[in-house]
C-alpha atoms as a PDB file:
ATOM      1  CA  UNK A   1       2.214  12.096 -13.967  1.00  0.00           C
ATOM      2  CA  UNK A   2      -1.174  11.538 -13.236  1.00  0.00           C
ATOM      3  CA  UNK A   3      -3.235  13.184 -10.256  1.00  0.00           C
ATOM      4  CA  UNK A   4      -6.379  12.012  -8.395  1.00  0.00           C
ATOM      5  CA  UNK A   5      -8.468  15.016  -7.294  1.00  0.00           C
ATOM      6  CA  UNK A   6     -11.195  13.727  -4.716  1.00  0.00           C
ATOM      7  CA  UNK A   7     -13.734  16.405  -4.021  1.00  0.00           C
ATOM      8  CA  UNK A   8     -16.148  16.421  -1.249  1.00  0.00           C
ATOM      9  CA  UNK A   9     -19.404  18.595  -1.419  1.00  0.00           C
ATOM     10  CA  UNK A  10     -21.281  20.659   1.097  1.00  0.00           C
ATOM     11  CA  UNK A  11     -24.447  19.707   2.506  1.00  0.00           C
ATOM     12  CA  UNK A  12     -26.900  20.466  -0.475  1.00  0.00           C
ATOM     13  CA  UNK A  13     -24.498  21.274  -3.113  1.00  0.00           C
ATOM     14  CA  UNK A  14     -26.984  20.812  -6.285  1.00  0.00           C
ATOM     15  CA  UNK A  15     -28.200  24.455  -6.413  1.00  0.00           C
ATOM     16  CA  UNK A  16     -24.561  25.754  -6.114  1.00  0.00           C
ATOM     17  CA  UNK A  17     -23.296  22.775  -8.828  1.00  0.00           C
ATOM     18  CA  UNK A  18     -25.911  24.204 -11.406  1.00  0.00           C
ATOM     19  CA  UNK A  19     -24.787  27.646 -11.240  1.00  0.00           C
ATOM     20  CA  UNK A  20     -21.041  26.707 -11.784  1.00  0.00           C
ATOM     21  CA  UNK A  21     -21.701  23.756 -14.005  1.00  0.00           C
ATOM     22  CA  UNK A  22     -21.069  25.205 -17.354  1.00  0.00           C
ATOM     23  CA  UNK A  23     -17.506  26.696 -16.344  1.00  0.00           C
ATOM     24  CA  UNK A  24     -16.600  23.338 -14.713  1.00  0.00           C
ATOM     25  CA  UNK A  25     -17.516  21.194 -17.706  1.00  0.00           C
ATOM     26  CA  UNK A  26     -15.425  23.868 -19.847  1.00  0.00           C
ATOM     27  CA  UNK A  27     -12.013  23.226 -17.754  1.00  0.00           C
ATOM     28  CA  UNK A  28     -12.626  19.568 -18.190  1.00  0.00           C
ATOM     29  CA  UNK A  29     -13.159  19.511 -21.674  1.00  0.00           C
ATOM     30  CA  UNK A  30      -9.814  21.631 -22.086  1.00  0.00           C
ATOM     31  CA  UNK A  31      -7.927  18.953 -20.151  1.00  0.00           C
ATOM     32  CA  UNK A  32      -9.849  16.228 -22.351  1.00  0.00           C
ATOM     33  CA  UNK A  33      -8.867  18.138 -25.766  1.00  0.00           C
ATOM     34  CA  UNK A  34      -4.926  18.134 -24.589  1.00  0.00           C
ATOM     35  CA  UNK A  35      -5.230  14.610 -23.929  1.00  0.00           C
ATOM     36  CA  UNK A  36      -4.561  14.903 -20.128  1.00  0.00           C
ATOM     37  CA  UNK A  37      -8.009  13.593 -18.800  1.00  0.00           C
ATOM     38  CA  UNK A  38      -8.399   9.913 -17.926  1.00  0.00           C
ATOM     39  CA  UNK A  39     -11.795  10.115 -15.954  1.00  0.00           C
ATOM     40  CA  UNK A  40     -13.802  12.713 -14.484  1.00  0.00           C
ATOM     41  CA  UNK A  41     -17.455  12.322 -12.556  1.00  0.00           C
ATOM     42  CA  UNK A  42     -19.359  13.199  -9.760  1.00  0.00           C
ATOM     43  CA  UNK A  43     -20.538  11.037  -7.015  1.00  0.00           C
ATOM     44  CA  UNK A  44     -24.203  10.534  -6.858  1.00  0.00           C
ATOM     45  CA  UNK A  45     -25.934  11.021  -3.371  1.00  0.00           C
ATOM     46  CA  UNK A  46     -28.023   7.470  -3.947  1.00  0.00           C
ATOM     47  CA  UNK A  47     -27.559   4.502  -6.159  1.00  0.00           C
ATOM     48  CA  UNK A  48     -28.494   5.845  -9.279  1.00  0.00           C
ATOM     49  CA  UNK A  49     -27.037   7.607 -12.273  1.00  0.00           C
ATOM     50  CA  UNK A  50     -29.549  10.168 -12.384  1.00  0.00           C
ATOM     51  CA  UNK A  51     -29.949  11.406  -8.710  1.00  0.00           C
ATOM     52  CA  UNK A  52     -32.386  14.176  -9.284  1.00  0.00           C
ATOM     53  CA  UNK A  53     -32.833  16.171  -6.297  1.00  0.00           C
ATOM     54  CA  UNK A  54     -30.766  13.840  -4.138  1.00  0.00           C
ATOM     55  CA  UNK A  55     -27.485  15.590  -6.113  1.00  0.00           C
ATOM     56  CA  UNK A  56     -24.074  14.364  -5.323  1.00  0.00           C
ATOM     57  CA  UNK A  57     -21.449  14.000  -2.312  1.00  0.00           C
ATOM     58  CA  UNK A  58     -18.362  14.955  -4.271  1.00  0.00           C
ATOM     59  CA  UNK A  59     -16.232  14.494  -7.590  1.00  0.00           C
ATOM     60  CA  UNK A  60     -13.531  12.537  -8.784  1.00  0.00           C
ATOM     61  CA  UNK A  61     -11.188  13.786 -11.501  1.00  0.00           C
ATOM     62  CA  UNK A  62      -8.043  11.937 -12.676  1.00  0.00           C
ATOM     63  CA  UNK A  63      -5.695  14.187 -14.938  1.00  0.00           C
ATOM     64  CA  UNK A  64      -2.375  14.587 -15.960  1.00  0.00           C
ATOM     65  CA  UNK A  65      -0.071  17.765 -14.685  1.00  0.00           C
ATOM     66  CA  UNK A  66       3.583  18.456 -14.853  1.00  0.00           C
ATOM     67  CA  UNK A  67       3.518  18.444 -10.875  1.00  0.00           C
ATOM     68  CA  UNK A  68       1.523  17.904  -7.754  1.00  0.00           C
ATOM     69  CA  UNK A  69       1.591  21.821  -7.393  1.00  0.00           C
ATOM     70  CA  UNK A  70      -0.035  22.467 -10.827  1.00  0.00           C
ATOM     71  CA  UNK A  71      -2.472  19.798 -10.003  1.00  0.00           C
ATOM     72  CA  UNK A  72      -3.187  21.620  -6.800  1.00  0.00           C
ATOM     73  CA  UNK A  73      -3.267  24.945  -8.384  1.00  0.00           C
ATOM     74  CA  UNK A  74      -5.535  23.607 -11.332  1.00  0.00           C
ATOM     75  CA  UNK A  75      -8.116  21.746  -8.480  1.00  0.00           C
ATOM     76  CA  UNK A  76      -7.703  25.583  -6.367  1.00  0.00           C
ATOM     77  CA  UNK A  77      -9.064  27.312  -9.324  1.00  0.00           C
ATOM     78  CA  UNK A  78     -11.926  25.210 -10.304  1.00  0.00           C
ATOM     79  CA  UNK A  79     -15.266  27.394 -10.705  1.00  0.00           C
ATOM     80  CA  UNK A  80     -16.884  24.923  -8.257  1.00  0.00           C
ATOM     81  CA  UNK A  81     -14.487  25.937  -5.420  1.00  0.00           C
ATOM     82  CA  UNK A  82     -15.472  29.760  -6.177  1.00  0.00           C
ATOM     83  CA  UNK A  83     -18.837  28.650  -6.162  1.00  0.00           C
ATOM     84  CA  UNK A  84     -18.721  27.162  -2.576  1.00  0.00           C
ATOM     85  CA  UNK A  85     -19.635  23.389  -3.833  1.00  0.00           C
ATOM     86  CA  UNK A  86     -16.608  21.473  -2.304  1.00  0.00           C
ATOM     87  CA  UNK A  87     -16.161  21.357   1.373  1.00  0.00           C
ATOM     88  CA  UNK A  88     -12.840  19.790   0.918  1.00  0.00           C
ATOM     89  CA  UNK A  89     -10.316  18.847  -1.944  1.00  0.00           C
ATOM     90  CA  UNK A  90      -7.558  16.229  -1.972  1.00  0.00           C
ATOM     91  CA  UNK A  91      -5.081  16.156  -4.532  1.00  0.00           C
ATOM     92  CA  UNK A  92      -2.668  12.983  -4.765  1.00  0.00           C
ATOM     93  CA  UNK A  93      -0.367  11.370  -7.192  1.00  0.00           C
ATOM     94  CA  UNK A  94      -2.063   8.453  -8.864  1.00  0.00           C
ATOM     95  CA  UNK A  95      -0.372   5.288 -10.730  1.00  0.00           C
ATOM     96  CA  UNK A  96      -2.137   4.183 -13.534  1.00  0.00           C
ATOM     97  CA  UNK A  97      -2.003   0.346 -13.654  1.00  0.00           C
ATOM     98  CA  UNK A  98      -4.754  -1.094 -15.313  1.00  0.00           C
ATOM     99  CA  UNK A  99      -6.117  -1.160 -18.104  1.00  0.00           C
END
């Protein structure tokens, strides 16, 4: 089943994001290579694809996992969690309807 992983950043998270980005992207790339990643990306803090020093306010990942517990475990192990980027993370089932 698909699961949405919705993360909210701490204030001024950009320096923290930079320290853990390579490891974070490597995990997402692994999901993609396994055919289990639908979408992933951050939420810019301003109305721009390149927000610069404004940074980001959180992230969205939609990926396939065997269960909610597995999705939660994957989210809990994200390098952004251990780096203190995320203030909160919500994981919930997602039903793909379109496209």
